[in-house]
Amino acid sequence: MPRLPISAETAVKLAAFMNVPLEHLMHMPQHVMLQKLAEMAMAEGAKPEAKTADPAKEAPKEQESSKDGSGNA
């Protein structure tokens, strides 16, 4: 059987993400494992983007209000 194309650390993270024992992950077909790995990456990638998107949207509003306040004064 060929070696898994992922590191041991990634295998542990993927097993935790899928809620399966690490032993099951080791015997999983490669195409299924890579699909689940992509799903995990998308799930992890979506969380930080959502957090950074909100402050970025709020920053221009604060700048606009400060411009309005300085223009009136």
Protein backbone atom coordinates (compact mmCIF):
# COMPACT_ATOMS: atom_id res chain seq x y z
CA MET A 1 0.00 0.00 0.00
CA PRO A 2 1.44 3.43 -0.92
CA ARG A 3 2.25 6.03 1.69
CA LEU A 4 -0.34 8.73 2.40
CA PRO A 5 0.33 11.95 0.49
CA ILE A 6 -0.21 14.04 3.68
CA SER A 7 1.83 14.69 6.79
CA ALA A 8 1.10 13.00 10.10
CA GLU A 9 -0.06 16.31 11.56
CA THR A 10 -2.50 16.84 8.69
CA ALA A 11 -3.76 13.27 9.06
CA VAL A 12 -4.54 13.89 12.74
CA LYS A 13 -6.38 17.14 11.90
CA LEU A 14 -8.33 15.44 9.11
CA ALA A 15 -9.33 12.52 11.34
CA ALA A 16 -10.58 14.99 13.96
CA PHE A 17 -12.45 17.00 11.29
CA MET A 18 -14.14 13.86 9.96
CA ASN A 19 -14.74 12.42 13.44
CA VAL A 20 -13.17 9.11 12.47
CA PRO A 21 -10.34 7.19 14.11
CA LEU A 22 -6.93 7.73 12.56
CA GLU A 23 -6.82 4.04 11.64
CA HIS A 24 -9.89 4.48 9.40
CA LEU A 25 -8.25 7.42 7.70
CA MET A 26 -5.17 5.33 6.94
CA HIS A 27 -7.28 2.80 4.99
CA MET A 28 -9.51 5.34 3.25
CA PRO A 29 -9.25 5.54 -0.55
CA GLN A 30 -6.95 8.34 -1.61
CA HIS A 31 -9.53 10.19 -3.72
CA VAL A 32 -12.00 10.28 -0.81
CA MET A 33 -9.32 11.44 1.62
CA LEU A 34 -8.19 14.24 -0.71
CA GLN A 35 -11.81 15.37 -1.21
CA LYS A 36 -12.33 15.53 2.56
CA LEU A 37 -9.01 17.37 2.91
CA ALA A 38 -10.25 19.97 0.43
CA GLU A 39 -13.52 20.30 2.38
CA MET A 40 -11.56 20.81 5.60
CA ALA A 41 -9.38 23.47 3.96
CA MET A 42 -12.46 25.30 2.67
CA ALA A 43 -14.10 25.16 6.11
CA GLU A 44 -10.96 26.50 7.80
CA GLY A 45 -10.47 29.12 5.11
CA ALA A 46 -14.02 30.41 5.35
CA LYS A 47 -13.81 31.13 9.08
CA PRO A 48 -10.90 33.62 9.01
CA GLU A 49 -12.24 35.37 5.91
CA ALA A 50 -15.61 35.98 7.56
CA LYS A 51 -13.91 37.48 10.62
CA THR A 52 -11.69 39.79 8.58
CA ALA A 53 -14.46 40.85 6.20
CA ASP A 54 -16.64 42.46 8.90
CA PRO A 55 -13.97 44.86 10.26
CA ALA A 56 -13.01 45.79 6.71
CA LYS A 57 -16.61 46.75 5.96
CA GLU A 58 -16.88 48.76 9.17
CA ALA A 59 -13.64 50.69 8.62
CA PRO A 60 -14.89 52.72 5.62
CA LYS A 61 -18.08 53.64 7.52
CA GLU A 62 -16.01 55.03 10.38
CA GLN A 63 -13.85 56.96 7.94
CA GLU A 64 -16.91 58.40 6.19
CA SER A 65 -18.45 59.53 9.47
CA SER A 66 -15.20 61.17 10.51
CA LYS A 67 -15.01 62.95 7.16
CA ASP A 68 -18.57 64.21 7.60
CA GLY A 69 -17.82 65.40 11.11
CA SER A 70 -14.65 67.23 10.04
CA GLY A 71 -16.39 68.82 7.04
CA ASN A 72 -19.19 70.27 9.19
CA ALA A 73 -16.83 71.70 11.82
